[in-house]
Amino acid sequence: MQVLVNVESEAEIPSGLLDRGVRATLEAEEIDRGEVSVTVLDDAGIRAMNRRWLGRDRPTDVLSFRLHDPGEPVLGDIYLGIDQARRQAEERGIPLDEELLRLAVHGTLHLLGHDHPEGPEREESEMFRLQEALVSRVLAGKGGEP
């Protein structure tokens, strides 16, 4: 399994933590073949992607693009919006690293076919419960080691 984390500043982005989050998610789903890239963008970059690919002219926190068909090795791209992640971390009173980890796990789950409803029931969905279990596991130092 290959995980590529593309960052502009090693000091600001916890690339090792993001790698472990993606790997822990893949391991939990028993995936051992494929390639996932994670790219961190500012508001302008992720807004442009959101507008181009989803028709939503606003920054977002995470975009996932599944590039493989069923039965093929996992292949996908995840884009994290660092500015939106920073705002969300501040609102929740958590470290930015934790929010970026959560978004990397969330994006990986989408690559693997998981989905969630929109609206208030979103955070009660099976996908969100799995996401939070994986985030806790990685933060506790379990799983996702290359």
Protein backbone atom coordinates (compact mmCIF):
# COMPACT_ATOMS: atom_id res chain seq x y z
CA MET A 1 0.00 0.00 0.00
CA GLN A 2 1.37 3.39 -0.95
CA VAL A 3 0.26 6.57 0.82
CA LEU A 4 1.56 9.89 -0.46
CA VAL A 5 1.13 13.04 1.62
CA ASN A 6 1.75 16.23 -0.34
CA VAL A 7 2.47 19.23 1.86
CA GLU A 8 3.90 22.69 1.41
CA SER A 9 5.35 23.03 4.91
CA GLU A 10 6.52 20.04 6.94
CA ALA A 11 6.48 22.14 10.11
CA GLU A 12 2.78 22.97 9.83
CA ILE A 13 1.32 19.75 8.43
CA PRO A 14 1.54 16.51 10.43
CA SER A 15 2.33 14.34 7.40
CA GLY A 16 3.22 11.28 9.51
CA LEU A 17 -0.07 11.50 11.39
CA LEU A 18 -2.05 11.83 8.15
CA ASP A 19 -0.20 8.81 6.73
CA ARG A 20 -1.03 6.77 9.85
CA GLY A 21 -4.69 7.83 9.66
CA VAL A 22 -5.04 6.74 6.04
CA ARG A 23 -3.22 3.46 6.74
CA ALA A 24 -5.30 2.71 9.86
CA THR A 25 -8.49 3.26 7.85
CA LEU A 26 -7.31 0.98 5.05
CA GLU A 27 -6.23 -1.69 7.56
CA ALA A 28 -9.60 -1.52 9.33
CA GLU A 29 -11.26 -2.24 5.98
CA GLU A 30 -8.72 -5.02 5.24
CA ILE A 31 -7.25 -3.18 2.26
CA ASP A 32 -3.62 -3.97 1.54
CA ARG A 33 -3.18 -2.94 -2.11
CA GLY A 34 -3.41 0.40 -3.79
CA GLU A 35 -2.37 4.03 -3.68
CA VAL A 36 -3.87 7.00 -1.88
CA SER A 37 -2.60 10.56 -2.11
CA VAL A 38 -3.42 13.30 0.38
CA THR A 39 -2.87 16.89 -0.68
CA VAL A 40 -3.28 19.88 1.62
CA LEU A 41 -4.64 23.05 0.00
CA ASP A 42 -5.46 26.56 1.20
CA ASP A 43 -8.97 28.04 0.90
CA ALA A 44 -8.40 29.29 -2.65
CA GLY A 45 -7.12 25.92 -3.88
CA ILE A 46 -9.84 23.78 -2.35
CA ARG A 47 -12.52 26.30 -3.31
CA ALA A 48 -11.42 26.08 -6.94
CA MET A 49 -11.58 22.26 -6.83
CA ASN A 50 -14.96 22.29 -5.08
CA ARG A 51 -16.33 24.68 -7.72
CA ARG A 52 -14.87 22.73 -10.64
CA TRP A 53 -15.80 19.20 -9.59
CA LEU A 54 -18.89 19.65 -7.40
CA GLY A 55 -20.28 23.00 -8.56
CA ARG A 56 -20.02 24.46 -5.04
CA ASP A 57 -18.32 27.85 -5.04
CA ARG A 58 -16.97 27.80 -1.49
CA PRO A 59 -14.04 26.36 0.45
CA THR A 60 -14.59 23.00 2.09
CA ASP A 61 -12.71 20.79 4.52
CA VAL A 62 -12.21 17.60 2.48
CA LEU A 63 -12.74 16.31 -1.05
CA SER A 64 -12.26 12.67 -2.06
CA PHE A 65 -11.96 11.28 -5.55
CA ARG A 66 -12.28 7.53 -5.96
CA LEU A 67 -10.32 6.50 -9.05
CA HIS A 68 -10.79 2.73 -8.91
CA ASP A 69 -13.61 0.37 -9.83
CA PRO A 70 -14.96 -2.35 -7.53
CA GLY A 71 -12.56 -5.27 -7.29
CA GLU A 72 -9.56 -3.17 -8.26
CA PRO A 73 -6.82 -2.04 -5.86
CA VAL A 74 -7.71 1.19 -4.08
CA LEU A 75 -6.70 4.29 -6.00
CA GLY A 76 -7.77 7.73 -4.91
CA ASP A 77 -6.97 11.34 -4.14
CA ILE A 78 -7.93 13.21 -0.98
CA TYR A 79 -7.70 16.99 -0.70
CA LEU A 80 -7.74 18.66 2.72
CA GLY A 81 -8.57 22.33 3.19
CA ILE A 82 -6.09 23.55 5.80
CA ASP A 83 -7.81 26.90 6.38
CA GLN A 84 -11.23 25.30 6.87
CA ALA A 85 -9.68 22.62 9.10
CA ARG A 86 -8.09 25.36 11.21
CA ARG A 87 -11.46 27.11 11.62
CA GLN A 88 -13.18 23.85 12.56
CA ALA A 89 -10.46 22.96 15.07
CA GLU A 90 -10.84 26.37 16.71
CA GLU A 91 -14.64 26.00 16.86
CA ARG A 92 -14.33 22.55 18.46
CA GLY A 93 -11.48 23.54 20.76
CA ILE A 94 -9.19 20.78 19.49
CA PRO A 95 -5.68 20.77 18.01
CA LEU A 96 -5.38 21.36 14.27
CA ASP A 97 -3.47 18.07 13.93
CA GLU A 98 -6.47 16.16 15.28
CA GLU A 99 -8.87 17.84 12.86
CA LEU A 100 -6.56 17.14 9.91
CA LEU A 101 -6.35 13.49 11.00
CA ARG A 102 -10.17 13.33 11.22
CA LEU A 103 -10.48 14.74 7.70
CA ALA A 104 -7.90 12.30 6.29
CA VAL A 105 -9.80 9.39 7.83
CA HIS A 106 -13.11 10.81 6.58
CA GLY A 107 -11.76 11.19 3.06
CA THR A 108 -10.34 7.67 3.07
CA LEU A 109 -13.68 6.23 4.19
CA HIS A 110 -15.33 7.97 1.22
CA LEU A 111 -12.71 6.45 -1.11
CA LEU A 112 -13.72 3.05 0.23
CA GLY A 113 -17.40 3.64 -0.54
CA HIS A 114 -18.69 4.81 2.85
CA ASP A 115 -21.19 7.64 2.90
CA HIS A 116 -23.28 9.60 5.38
CA PRO A 117 -26.51 11.57 5.30
CA GLU A 118 -26.50 15.36 5.24
CA GLY A 119 -28.03 17.35 8.06
CA PRO A 120 -28.22 16.74 11.79
CA GLU A 121 -28.20 12.93 11.50
CA ARG A 122 -24.81 13.10 9.75
CA GLU A 123 -22.82 12.86 12.97
CA GLU A 124 -24.93 9.92 14.20
CA SER A 125 -24.25 7.84 11.08
CA GLU A 126 -22.31 4.58 10.98
CA MET A 127 -19.59 6.28 8.94
CA PHE A 128 -19.05 8.95 11.60
CA ARG A 129 -18.94 6.36 14.39
CA LEU A 130 -16.29 4.42 12.46
CA GLN A 131 -14.40 7.64 11.71
CA GLU A 132 -14.26 8.65 15.37
CA ALA A 133 -13.17 5.15 16.46
CA LEU A 134 -10.32 5.27 13.93
CA VAL A 135 -9.27 8.78 14.98
CA SER A 136 -9.16 7.66 18.62
CA ARG A 137 -7.16 4.57 17.69
CA VAL A 138 -4.55 6.56 15.75
CA LEU A 139 -4.27 9.23 18.46
CA ALA A 140 -3.73 6.46 21.00
CA GLY A 141 -0.81 5.25 18.88
CA LYS A 142 -2.45 2.04 17.64
CA GLY A 143 -2.53 1.01 14.01
CA GLY A 144 -1.61 2.65 10.78
CA GLU A 145 2.14 2.15 11.04
CA PRO A 146 3.85 1.93 7.63
